[in-house]
Amino acid sequence: MIGRLRGRIVETSAHSIVLDVNGVGYVVFVNLSTLSRLGHIGNEASLVTYLEVKEDKMALYGFLNNEEYALFQLLIAVNGVGCKSALTILDLGTPDQISQAIRDEHVSILTQVSGIGKKTAERLILELKDKVGFAGVESGSPLQRTRQADLVDALESLGFKPGEIQRVVNEMDTTLDLGEQVRQALKLLQG
């Protein structure tokens, strides 16, 4: 699994960049918002990544922060929403704005994305309405959201599924250090 890449942008296209990491060029699919914030060829970039593995291909998707990555993970867990559609949904606004649209059941906002029809938008809302906000896409200070996102990353790296993580992450005391949060979460997840 490739969880993060840092390197120099050597190529850009409408939906991807090539990131040179120590002489290896990684094609990373990004949304338009991320592409515009990364800057120009030659700039250094650091991206949180998701590796999609299918029978006939592998694709790497990049995000500027853990908040975008966490929302992307929730979106692709919904039946009928693929990685490219989820990436395009992230162009609708900030993770907070998209989460708010889901909580407020704004079907018309979600159907602006090519490939997301009314039924898929309704399924997204139904499945995610109570989930958006976990992994730092709801209320709380930026520090609390960052600590939640770090906890989610740690638990994912240990092999836990998003549904399992969601069950415990909001119960954690974000004033504790990450190690203690992980220990408490493991007790809850394994107990």
N, C-alpha and C. Protein backbone atom coordinates (compact mmCIF):
# COMPACT_ATOMS: atom_id res chain seq x y z
N MET A 1 0.86 -1.19 0.00
CA MET A 1 0.00 0.00 0.00
C MET A 1 0.89 1.24 0.00
N ILE A 2 0.54 2.19 -0.81
CA ILE A 2 1.27 3.46 -0.86
C ILE A 2 0.39 4.48 -0.16
N GLY A 3 0.80 4.94 1.01
CA GLY A 3 -0.02 5.82 1.81
C GLY A 3 0.26 7.31 1.65
N ARG A 4 1.46 7.64 1.22
CA ARG A 4 1.82 9.05 1.06
C ARG A 4 2.99 9.14 0.10
N LEU A 5 2.99 10.17 -0.73
CA LEU A 5 4.10 10.43 -1.64
C LEU A 5 4.52 11.88 -1.52
N ARG A 6 5.83 12.10 -1.60
CA ARG A 6 6.35 13.46 -1.64
C ARG A 6 7.41 13.50 -2.74
N GLY A 7 7.28 14.44 -3.64
CA GLY A 7 8.23 14.55 -4.73
C GLY A 7 8.00 15.79 -5.54
N ARG A 8 8.58 15.80 -6.73
CA ARG A 8 8.51 16.96 -7.61
C ARG A 8 7.55 16.65 -8.76
N ILE A 9 6.68 17.60 -9.06
CA ILE A 9 5.73 17.45 -10.17
C ILE A 9 6.50 17.58 -11.47
N VAL A 10 6.41 16.54 -12.32
CA VAL A 10 7.12 16.58 -13.60
C VAL A 10 6.17 16.65 -14.79
N GLU A 11 4.89 16.29 -14.60
CA GLU A 11 3.88 16.40 -15.66
C GLU A 11 2.53 16.66 -15.02
N THR A 12 1.66 17.33 -15.77
CA THR A 12 0.28 17.49 -15.33
C THR A 12 -0.64 17.27 -16.52
N SER A 13 -1.85 16.81 -16.24
CA SER A 13 -2.89 16.71 -17.25
C SER A 13 -4.18 17.17 -16.58
N ALA A 14 -5.29 17.02 -17.26
CA ALA A 14 -6.56 17.50 -16.72
C ALA A 14 -6.96 16.80 -15.43
N HIS A 15 -6.56 15.55 -15.24
CA HIS A 15 -7.02 14.80 -14.07
C HIS A 15 -5.91 14.09 -13.31
N SER A 16 -4.65 14.34 -13.67
CA SER A 16 -3.57 13.63 -13.00
C SER A 16 -2.28 14.42 -13.04
N ILE A 17 -1.35 13.98 -12.23
CA ILE A 17 0.01 14.51 -12.25
C ILE A 17 0.96 13.32 -12.28
N VAL A 18 2.18 13.58 -12.69
CA VAL A 18 3.25 12.60 -12.52
C VAL A 18 4.18 13.20 -11.47
N LEU A 19 4.35 12.46 -10.39
CA LEU A 19 5.17 12.90 -9.26
C LEU A 19 6.46 12.11 -9.26
N ASP A 20 7.59 12.80 -9.41
CA ASP A 20 8.90 12.15 -9.39
C ASP A 20 9.34 12.02 -7.94
N VAL A 21 9.42 10.76 -7.49
CA VAL A 21 9.86 10.48 -6.12
C VAL A 21 11.16 9.69 -6.22
N ASN A 22 12.27 10.36 -6.00
CA ASN A 22 13.59 9.73 -6.08
C ASN A 22 13.82 8.99 -7.39
N GLY A 23 13.43 9.60 -8.50
CA GLY A 23 13.67 9.02 -9.81
C GLY A 23 12.58 8.11 -10.33
N VAL A 24 11.55 7.85 -9.53
CA VAL A 24 10.43 7.03 -9.97
C VAL A 24 9.23 7.95 -10.19
N GLY A 25 8.62 7.87 -11.37
CA GLY A 25 7.48 8.72 -11.69
C GLY A 25 6.17 8.01 -11.40
N TYR A 26 5.41 8.53 -10.47
CA TYR A 26 4.10 7.97 -10.11
C TYR A 26 3.00 8.80 -10.75
N VAL A 27 2.10 8.13 -11.49
CA VAL A 27 0.92 8.81 -12.03
C VAL A 27 -0.11 8.82 -10.90
N VAL A 28 -0.54 10.00 -10.50
CA VAL A 28 -1.48 10.15 -9.40
C VAL A 28 -2.69 10.93 -9.90
N PHE A 29 -3.88 10.31 -9.80
CA PHE A 29 -5.11 10.99 -10.19
C PHE A 29 -5.52 11.93 -9.06
N VAL A 30 -5.85 13.16 -9.43
CA VAL A 30 -6.25 14.17 -8.45
C VAL A 30 -7.48 14.89 -8.97
N ASN A 31 -8.23 15.52 -8.07
CA ASN A 31 -9.36 16.31 -8.54
C ASN A 31 -8.87 17.69 -8.98
N LEU A 32 -9.73 18.43 -9.63
CA LEU A 32 -9.33 19.72 -10.19
C LEU A 32 -8.91 20.71 -9.12
N SER A 33 -9.58 20.67 -7.98
CA SER A 33 -9.24 21.56 -6.88
C SER A 33 -7.82 21.30 -6.39
N THR A 34 -7.49 20.04 -6.21
CA THR A 34 -6.14 19.68 -5.77
C THR A 34 -5.12 20.08 -6.82
N LEU A 35 -5.43 19.80 -8.07
CA LEU A 35 -4.52 20.14 -9.16
C LEU A 35 -4.20 21.64 -9.17
N SER A 36 -5.21 22.46 -8.97
CA SER A 36 -4.98 23.90 -8.98
C SER A 36 -4.16 24.36 -7.78
N ARG A 37 -4.28 23.68 -6.65
CA ARG A 37 -3.53 24.08 -5.45
C ARG A 37 -2.10 23.54 -5.44
N LEU A 38 -1.81 22.52 -6.24
CA LEU A 38 -0.46 21.96 -6.27
C LEU A 38 0.53 22.87 -6.97
N GLY A 39 0.05 23.63 -7.90
CA GLY A 39 0.94 24.54 -8.60
C GLY A 39 1.45 23.97 -9.91
N HIS A 40 2.64 24.36 -10.27
CA HIS A 40 3.18 24.11 -11.59
C HIS A 40 4.21 22.98 -11.61
N ILE A 41 4.58 22.58 -12.82
CA ILE A 41 5.64 21.60 -13.01
C ILE A 41 6.90 22.13 -12.33
N GLY A 42 7.56 21.26 -11.60
CA GLY A 42 8.76 21.64 -10.87
C GLY A 42 8.52 21.88 -9.39
N ASN A 43 7.27 22.12 -9.02
CA ASN A 43 6.94 22.33 -7.60
C ASN A 43 7.04 21.03 -6.83
N GLU A 44 7.38 21.14 -5.56
CA GLU A 44 7.35 19.99 -4.66
C GLU A 44 5.91 19.79 -4.20
N ALA A 45 5.52 18.53 -4.05
CA ALA A 45 4.16 18.23 -3.60
C ALA A 45 4.20 17.04 -2.66
N SER A 46 3.30 17.05 -1.70
CA SER A 46 3.13 15.94 -0.77
C SER A 46 1.65 15.58 -0.77
N LEU A 47 1.36 14.30 -1.04
CA LEU A 47 -0.03 13.87 -1.16
C LEU A 47 -0.28 12.63 -0.31
N VAL A 48 -1.44 12.61 0.35
CA VAL A 48 -1.94 11.39 0.96
C VAL A 48 -2.51 10.59 -0.20
N THR A 49 -2.25 9.28 -0.27
CA THR A 49 -2.66 8.52 -1.45
C THR A 49 -3.51 7.31 -1.10
N TYR A 50 -4.28 6.91 -2.10
CA TYR A 50 -5.09 5.70 -2.04
C TYR A 50 -4.76 4.89 -3.28
N LEU A 51 -4.40 3.62 -3.10
CA LEU A 51 -4.08 2.74 -4.21
C LEU A 51 -5.26 1.83 -4.49
N GLU A 52 -5.84 1.96 -5.69
CA GLU A 52 -6.94 1.10 -6.12
C GLU A 52 -6.33 -0.05 -6.92
N VAL A 53 -6.61 -1.28 -6.50
CA VAL A 53 -6.09 -2.45 -7.19
C VAL A 53 -7.26 -3.25 -7.75
N LYS A 54 -7.25 -3.44 -9.06
CA LYS A 54 -8.27 -4.25 -9.74
C LYS A 54 -7.55 -5.33 -10.53
N GLU A 55 -8.31 -6.27 -11.05
CA GLU A 55 -7.72 -7.36 -11.82
C GLU A 55 -6.86 -6.87 -12.97
N ASP A 56 -7.32 -5.85 -13.67
CA ASP A 56 -6.64 -5.42 -14.88
C ASP A 56 -5.87 -4.11 -14.75
N LYS A 57 -5.89 -3.47 -13.57
CA LYS A 57 -5.17 -2.20 -13.44
C LYS A 57 -4.96 -1.83 -11.98
N MET A 58 -4.04 -0.91 -11.79
CA MET A 58 -3.84 -0.26 -10.50
C MET A 58 -3.87 1.24 -10.76
N ALA A 59 -4.46 1.98 -9.84
CA ALA A 59 -4.52 3.43 -9.98
C ALA A 59 -4.26 4.06 -8.62
N LEU A 60 -3.54 5.16 -8.64
CA LEU A 60 -3.18 5.88 -7.43
C LEU A 60 -3.92 7.21 -7.41
N TYR A 61 -4.60 7.52 -6.30
CA TYR A 61 -5.37 8.75 -6.15
C TYR A 61 -4.73 9.58 -5.05
N GLY A 62 -4.62 10.89 -5.27
CA GLY A 62 -3.93 11.75 -4.31
C GLY A 62 -4.82 12.83 -3.72
N PHE A 63 -4.51 13.16 -2.45
CA PHE A 63 -5.30 14.14 -1.69
C PHE A 63 -4.35 15.05 -0.92
N LEU A 64 -4.73 16.30 -0.76
CA LEU A 64 -3.88 17.25 -0.06
C LEU A 64 -3.83 17.01 1.45
N ASN A 65 -4.89 16.41 2.00
CA ASN A 65 -4.91 16.23 3.45
C ASN A 65 -5.74 15.00 3.83
N ASN A 66 -5.65 14.64 5.10
CA ASN A 66 -6.36 13.46 5.61
C ASN A 66 -7.88 13.65 5.59
N GLU A 67 -8.33 14.89 5.68
CA GLU A 67 -9.77 15.17 5.67
C GLU A 67 -10.39 14.77 4.32
N GLU A 68 -9.73 15.18 3.23
CA GLU A 68 -10.22 14.80 1.89
C GLU A 68 -10.15 13.28 1.71
N TYR A 69 -9.05 12.69 2.16
CA TYR A 69 -8.87 11.25 2.04
C TYR A 69 -9.96 10.48 2.79
N ALA A 70 -10.27 10.93 4.01
CA ALA A 70 -11.29 10.26 4.82
C ALA A 70 -12.67 10.33 4.14
N LEU A 71 -13.01 11.48 3.59
CA LEU A 71 -14.29 11.61 2.89
C LEU A 71 -14.30 10.74 1.63
N PHE A 72 -13.20 10.71 0.90
CA PHE A 72 -13.08 9.84 -0.28
C PHE A 72 -13.33 8.39 0.10
N GLN A 73 -12.75 7.94 1.21
CA GLN A 73 -12.93 6.55 1.67
C GLN A 73 -14.40 6.26 1.96
N LEU A 74 -15.08 7.20 2.58
CA LEU A 74 -16.51 7.02 2.84
C LEU A 74 -17.31 6.94 1.55
N LEU A 75 -16.98 7.81 0.60
CA LEU A 75 -17.71 7.86 -0.66
C LEU A 75 -17.57 6.56 -1.46
N ILE A 76 -16.35 6.02 -1.54
CA ILE A 76 -16.16 4.81 -2.36
C ILE A 76 -16.72 3.57 -1.69
N ALA A 77 -17.06 3.67 -0.40
CA ALA A 77 -17.67 2.53 0.29
C ALA A 77 -19.14 2.36 -0.11
N VAL A 78 -19.71 3.38 -0.76
CA VAL A 78 -21.11 3.34 -1.18
C VAL A 78 -21.21 2.62 -2.52
N ASN A 79 -22.07 1.64 -2.60
CA ASN A 79 -22.27 0.88 -3.83
C ASN A 79 -22.67 1.82 -4.97
N GLY A 80 -21.97 1.73 -6.09
CA GLY A 80 -22.28 2.57 -7.24
C GLY A 80 -21.41 3.80 -7.35
N VAL A 81 -20.54 4.03 -6.36
CA VAL A 81 -19.65 5.18 -6.41
C VAL A 81 -18.22 4.66 -6.54
N GLY A 82 -17.63 4.90 -7.69
CA GLY A 82 -16.26 4.48 -7.92
C GLY A 82 -15.28 5.57 -7.53
N CYS A 83 -14.01 5.25 -7.67
CA CYS A 83 -12.97 6.20 -7.28
C CYS A 83 -13.02 7.50 -8.09
N LYS A 84 -13.24 7.39 -9.38
CA LYS A 84 -13.26 8.61 -10.21
C LYS A 84 -14.46 9.50 -9.86
N SER A 85 -15.62 8.88 -9.60
CA SER A 85 -16.79 9.67 -9.20
C SER A 85 -16.55 10.32 -7.85
N ALA A 86 -15.97 9.57 -6.90
CA ALA A 86 -15.69 10.12 -5.58
C ALA A 86 -14.72 11.29 -5.68
N LEU A 87 -13.72 11.16 -6.53
CA LEU A 87 -12.75 12.24 -6.72
C LEU A 87 -13.44 13.48 -7.27
N THR A 88 -14.39 13.28 -8.19
CA THR A 88 -15.12 14.41 -8.75
C THR A 88 -16.05 15.04 -7.71
N ILE A 89 -16.63 14.23 -6.84
CA ILE A 89 -17.48 14.77 -5.76
C ILE A 89 -16.67 15.73 -4.90
N LEU A 90 -15.39 15.43 -4.69
CA LEU A 90 -14.55 16.30 -3.87
C LEU A 90 -14.36 17.69 -4.48
N ASP A 91 -14.64 17.81 -5.77
CA ASP A 91 -14.57 19.13 -6.42
C ASP A 91 -15.78 20.01 -6.11
N LEU A 92 -16.81 19.43 -5.49
CA LEU A 92 -18.02 20.20 -5.19
C LEU A 92 -17.81 21.23 -4.08
N GLY A 93 -16.76 21.11 -3.32
CA GLY A 93 -16.50 22.03 -2.22
C GLY A 93 -15.51 21.44 -1.25
N THR A 94 -15.41 22.05 -0.09
CA THR A 94 -14.53 21.52 0.95
C THR A 94 -15.18 20.26 1.54
N PRO A 95 -14.41 19.43 2.22
CA PRO A 95 -15.02 18.27 2.87
C PRO A 95 -16.17 18.66 3.81
N ASP A 96 -16.03 19.78 4.51
CA ASP A 96 -17.11 20.24 5.39
C ASP A 96 -18.37 20.59 4.60
N GLN A 97 -18.21 21.27 3.46
CA GLN A 97 -19.35 21.64 2.63
C GLN A 97 -20.04 20.42 2.04
N ILE A 98 -19.25 19.46 1.58
CA ILE A 98 -19.83 18.24 1.00
C ILE A 98 -20.55 17.45 2.09
N SER A 99 -19.93 17.34 3.26
CA SER A 99 -20.56 16.64 4.37
C SER A 99 -21.87 17.31 4.76
N GLN A 100 -21.88 18.63 4.77
CA GLN A 100 -23.10 19.36 5.10
C GLN A 100 -24.18 19.11 4.06
N ALA A 101 -23.80 19.07 2.78
CA ALA A 101 -24.78 18.78 1.72
C ALA A 101 -25.38 17.39 1.91
N ILE A 102 -24.56 16.44 2.33
CA ILE A 102 -25.06 15.08 2.57
C ILE A 102 -25.98 15.07 3.78
N ARG A 103 -25.57 15.70 4.86
CA ARG A 103 -26.41 15.75 6.06
C ARG A 103 -27.74 16.45 5.80
N ASP A 104 -27.70 17.50 4.96
CA ASP A 104 -28.91 18.27 4.65
C ASP A 104 -29.72 17.66 3.50
N GLU A 105 -29.26 16.52 2.99
CA GLU A 105 -29.95 15.76 1.95
C GLU A 105 -30.15 16.56 0.66
N HIS A 106 -29.11 17.25 0.21
CA HIS A 106 -29.17 18.03 -1.03
C HIS A 106 -28.82 17.15 -2.22
N VAL A 107 -29.79 16.41 -2.70
CA VAL A 107 -29.60 15.51 -3.84
C VAL A 107 -29.12 16.29 -5.05
N SER A 108 -29.66 17.48 -5.26
CA SER A 108 -29.33 18.27 -6.46
C SER A 108 -27.85 18.65 -6.52
N ILE A 109 -27.22 18.80 -5.38
CA ILE A 109 -25.79 19.12 -5.37
C ILE A 109 -24.98 17.91 -5.83
N LEU A 110 -25.32 16.74 -5.31
CA LEU A 110 -24.57 15.53 -5.64
C LEU A 110 -24.78 15.10 -7.09
N THR A 111 -25.95 15.36 -7.64
CA THR A 111 -26.22 14.94 -9.02
C THR A 111 -25.52 15.85 -10.05
N GLN A 112 -24.83 16.88 -9.59
CA GLN A 112 -24.03 17.71 -10.50
C GLN A 112 -22.83 16.94 -11.03
N VAL A 113 -22.47 15.85 -10.35
CA VAL A 113 -21.32 15.04 -10.74
C VAL A 113 -21.74 14.07 -11.84
N SER A 114 -20.99 14.05 -12.92
CA SER A 114 -21.26 13.12 -14.02
C SER A 114 -21.18 11.68 -13.49
N GLY A 115 -22.21 10.90 -13.79
CA GLY A 115 -22.24 9.51 -13.33
C GLY A 115 -22.98 9.30 -12.02
N ILE A 116 -23.36 10.40 -11.36
CA ILE A 116 -24.12 10.30 -10.12
C ILE A 116 -25.55 10.76 -10.42
N GLY A 117 -26.44 9.79 -10.55
CA GLY A 117 -27.84 10.10 -10.79
C GLY A 117 -28.59 10.26 -9.48
N LYS A 118 -29.88 10.48 -9.61
CA LYS A 118 -30.70 10.72 -8.42
C LYS A 118 -30.67 9.53 -7.46
N LYS A 119 -30.77 8.31 -7.98
CA LYS A 119 -30.79 7.13 -7.10
C LYS A 119 -29.46 6.95 -6.37
N THR A 120 -28.36 7.16 -7.08
CA THR A 120 -27.05 7.03 -6.43
C THR A 120 -26.86 8.13 -5.39
N ALA A 121 -27.30 9.35 -5.70
CA ALA A 121 -27.20 10.45 -4.75
C ALA A 121 -28.03 10.15 -3.50
N GLU A 122 -29.22 9.60 -3.69
CA GLU A 122 -30.06 9.25 -2.54
C GLU A 122 -29.41 8.13 -1.72
N ARG A 123 -28.77 7.17 -2.39
CA ARG A 123 -28.08 6.09 -1.68
C ARG A 123 -26.89 6.66 -0.88
N LEU A 124 -26.17 7.60 -1.49
CA LEU A 124 -25.06 8.27 -0.80
C LEU A 124 -25.56 8.92 0.49
N ILE A 125 -26.63 9.66 0.37
CA ILE A 125 -27.19 10.36 1.52
C ILE A 125 -27.65 9.38 2.59
N LEU A 126 -28.36 8.35 2.17
CA LEU A 126 -28.87 7.35 3.11
C LEU A 126 -27.74 6.67 3.87
N GLU A 127 -26.70 6.27 3.16
CA GLU A 127 -25.62 5.53 3.78
C GLU A 127 -24.63 6.41 4.55
N LEU A 128 -24.49 7.67 4.14
CA LEU A 128 -23.44 8.50 4.74
C LEU A 128 -23.94 9.60 5.67
N LYS A 129 -25.24 9.83 5.70
CA LYS A 129 -25.76 10.95 6.48
C LYS A 129 -25.27 10.93 7.93
N ASP A 130 -25.24 9.76 8.54
CA ASP A 130 -24.79 9.67 9.93
C ASP A 130 -23.30 9.41 10.06
N LYS A 131 -22.62 9.21 8.94
CA LYS A 131 -21.19 8.89 8.98
C LYS A 131 -20.31 10.09 8.69
N VAL A 132 -20.78 11.01 7.85
CA VAL A 132 -19.93 12.16 7.55
C VAL A 132 -19.75 12.93 8.85
N GLY A 133 -18.56 13.27 9.11
CA GLY A 133 -18.25 13.88 10.39
C GLY A 133 -17.24 13.03 11.11
N PHE A 134 -17.29 11.72 10.94
CA PHE A 134 -16.24 10.88 11.49
C PHE A 134 -15.01 11.11 10.63
N ALA A 135 -13.87 10.95 11.20
CA ALA A 135 -12.58 11.16 10.53
C ALA A 135 -12.35 12.63 10.23
N GLY A 136 -12.97 13.50 11.04
CA GLY A 136 -12.60 14.90 10.96
C GLY A 136 -13.29 15.73 9.91
N VAL A 137 -14.46 15.34 9.45
CA VAL A 137 -15.13 16.18 8.48
C VAL A 137 -16.38 16.81 9.07
N GLU A 138 -16.40 17.03 10.36
CA GLU A 138 -17.54 17.69 10.99
C GLU A 138 -17.03 18.76 11.93
N SER A 139 -17.62 18.82 13.09
CA SER A 139 -17.28 19.90 14.02
C SER A 139 -16.02 19.58 14.79
N GLY A 140 -15.56 20.56 15.54
CA GLY A 140 -14.35 20.40 16.34
C GLY A 140 -13.27 21.33 15.82
N SER A 141 -12.27 21.53 16.67
CA SER A 141 -11.17 22.40 16.29
C SER A 141 -10.32 21.72 15.23
N PRO A 142 -9.52 22.49 14.49
CA PRO A 142 -8.63 21.87 13.50
C PRO A 142 -7.70 20.84 14.15
N LEU A 143 -7.23 21.11 15.38
CA LEU A 143 -6.37 20.15 16.05
C LEU A 143 -7.11 18.86 16.35
N GLN A 144 -8.36 18.95 16.82
CA GLN A 144 -9.15 17.74 17.09
C GLN A 144 -9.38 16.96 15.81
N ARG A 145 -9.70 17.67 14.71
CA ARG A 145 -9.93 16.98 13.44
C ARG A 145 -8.66 16.30 12.96
N THR A 146 -7.51 16.96 13.13
CA THR A 146 -6.24 16.37 12.72
C THR A 146 -5.95 15.12 13.54
N ARG A 147 -6.19 15.20 14.84
CA ARG A 147 -5.93 14.04 15.70
C ARG A 147 -6.86 12.88 15.36
N GLN A 148 -8.12 13.17 15.04
CA GLN A 148 -9.03 12.12 14.62
C GLN A 148 -8.55 11.49 13.32
N ALA A 149 -8.13 12.31 12.38
CA ALA A 149 -7.65 11.80 11.09
C ALA A 149 -6.40 10.94 11.29
N ASP A 150 -5.51 11.37 12.19
CA ASP A 150 -4.31 10.58 12.48
C ASP A 150 -4.69 9.23 13.08
N LEU A 151 -5.69 9.21 13.96
CA LEU A 151 -6.14 7.97 14.56
C LEU A 151 -6.74 7.05 13.49
N VAL A 152 -7.54 7.61 12.59
CA VAL A 152 -8.11 6.82 11.50
C VAL A 152 -7.00 6.21 10.66
N ASP A 153 -5.99 7.02 10.30
CA ASP A 153 -4.87 6.52 9.50
C ASP A 153 -4.16 5.37 10.22
N ALA A 154 -3.92 5.54 11.51
CA ALA A 154 -3.23 4.50 12.28
C ALA A 154 -4.03 3.20 12.30
N LEU A 155 -5.34 3.30 12.52
CA LEU A 155 -6.17 2.09 12.59
C LEU A 155 -6.31 1.44 11.22
N GLU A 156 -6.37 2.26 10.15
CA GLU A 156 -6.42 1.68 8.80
C GLU A 156 -5.13 0.94 8.49
N SER A 157 -3.99 1.50 8.92
CA SER A 157 -2.72 0.83 8.66
C SER A 157 -2.61 -0.49 9.42
N LEU A 158 -3.40 -0.63 10.47
CA LEU A 158 -3.43 -1.90 11.22
C LEU A 158 -4.44 -2.88 10.62
N GLY A 159 -5.11 -2.48 9.56
CA GLY A 159 -5.99 -3.39 8.84
C GLY A 159 -7.46 -3.33 9.20
N PHE A 160 -7.86 -2.37 10.01
CA PHE A 160 -9.28 -2.26 10.35
C PHE A 160 -10.04 -1.58 9.23
N LYS A 161 -11.30 -1.95 9.06
CA LYS A 161 -12.17 -1.42 8.01
C LYS A 161 -12.80 -0.10 8.48
N PRO A 162 -13.17 0.79 7.51
CA PRO A 162 -13.77 2.08 7.88
C PRO A 162 -14.98 1.95 8.80
N GLY A 163 -15.83 0.96 8.58
CA GLY A 163 -17.01 0.78 9.44
C GLY A 163 -16.63 0.48 10.88
N GLU A 164 -15.59 -0.35 11.06
CA GLU A 164 -15.12 -0.67 12.41
C GLU A 164 -14.51 0.57 13.07
N ILE A 165 -13.73 1.30 12.30
CA ILE A 165 -13.06 2.49 12.81
C ILE A 165 -14.09 3.54 13.23
N GLN A 166 -15.09 3.73 12.39
CA GLN A 166 -16.10 4.75 12.67
C GLN A 166 -16.78 4.48 14.01
N ARG A 167 -16.96 3.20 14.30
CA ARG A 167 -17.65 2.81 15.53
C ARG A 167 -16.93 3.34 16.78
N VAL A 168 -15.61 3.46 16.72
CA VAL A 168 -14.87 3.85 17.93
C VAL A 168 -14.22 5.23 17.88
N VAL A 169 -13.97 5.77 16.69
CA VAL A 169 -13.16 6.97 16.60
C VAL A 169 -13.79 8.19 17.28
N ASN A 170 -15.08 8.34 17.19
CA ASN A 170 -15.72 9.51 17.81
C ASN A 170 -15.79 9.41 19.33
N GLU A 171 -15.54 8.22 19.88
CA GLU A 171 -15.54 8.04 21.33
C GLU A 171 -14.20 8.37 21.96
N MET A 172 -13.18 8.57 21.16
CA MET A 172 -11.83 8.78 21.67
C MET A 172 -11.67 10.20 22.23
N ASP A 173 -10.88 10.29 23.26
CA ASP A 173 -10.52 11.57 23.86
C ASP A 173 -9.37 12.15 23.05
N THR A 174 -9.62 13.21 22.26
CA THR A 174 -8.60 13.75 21.37
C THR A 174 -7.53 14.55 22.11
N THR A 175 -7.66 14.70 23.42
CA THR A 175 -6.60 15.38 24.16
C THR A 175 -5.46 14.41 24.49
N LEU A 176 -5.72 13.11 24.37
CA LEU A 176 -4.68 12.10 24.61
C LEU A 176 -3.73 12.05 23.42
N ASP A 177 -2.51 11.57 23.66
CA ASP A 177 -1.60 11.43 22.54
C ASP A 177 -2.06 10.27 21.65
N LEU A 178 -1.56 10.24 20.43
CA LEU A 178 -2.01 9.27 19.44
C LEU A 178 -1.81 7.84 19.93
N GLY A 179 -0.69 7.56 20.54
CA GLY A 179 -0.42 6.20 21.03
C GLY A 179 -1.48 5.72 22.01
N GLU A 180 -1.88 6.59 22.93
CA GLU A 180 -2.90 6.22 23.90
C GLU A 180 -4.27 6.05 23.24
N GLN A 181 -4.57 6.92 22.27
CA GLN A 181 -5.83 6.77 21.54
C GLN A 181 -5.87 5.44 20.81
N VAL A 182 -4.77 5.05 20.17
CA VAL A 182 -4.71 3.78 19.45
C VAL A 182 -4.91 2.62 20.42
N ARG A 183 -4.26 2.67 21.58
CA ARG A 183 -4.41 1.60 22.58
C ARG A 183 -5.88 1.47 23.01
N GLN A 184 -6.52 2.60 23.29
CA GLN A 184 -7.93 2.56 23.69
C GLN A 184 -8.81 2.03 22.56
N ALA A 185 -8.54 2.48 21.34
CA ALA A 185 -9.34 2.03 20.19
C ALA A 185 -9.17 0.53 19.98
N LEU A 186 -7.95 0.03 20.12
CA LEU A 186 -7.72 -1.41 19.96
C LEU A 186 -8.49 -2.21 20.99
N LYS A 187 -8.54 -1.70 22.21
CA LYS A 187 -9.33 -2.41 23.25
C LYS A 187 -10.79 -2.48 22.84
N LEU A 188 -11.33 -1.38 22.35
CA LEU A 188 -12.73 -1.35 21.93
C LEU A 188 -12.98 -2.24 20.71
N LEU A 189 -12.05 -2.21 19.76
CA LEU A 189 -12.23 -2.96 18.53
C LEU A 189 -12.05 -4.47 18.73
N GLN A 190 -11.19 -4.84 19.67
CA GLN A 190 -10.92 -6.25 19.89
C GLN A 190 -11.71 -6.83 21.05
N GLY A 191 -12.37 -5.97 21.80
CA GLY A 191 -13.06 -6.43 22.99
C GLY A 191 -14.49 -6.69 22.81
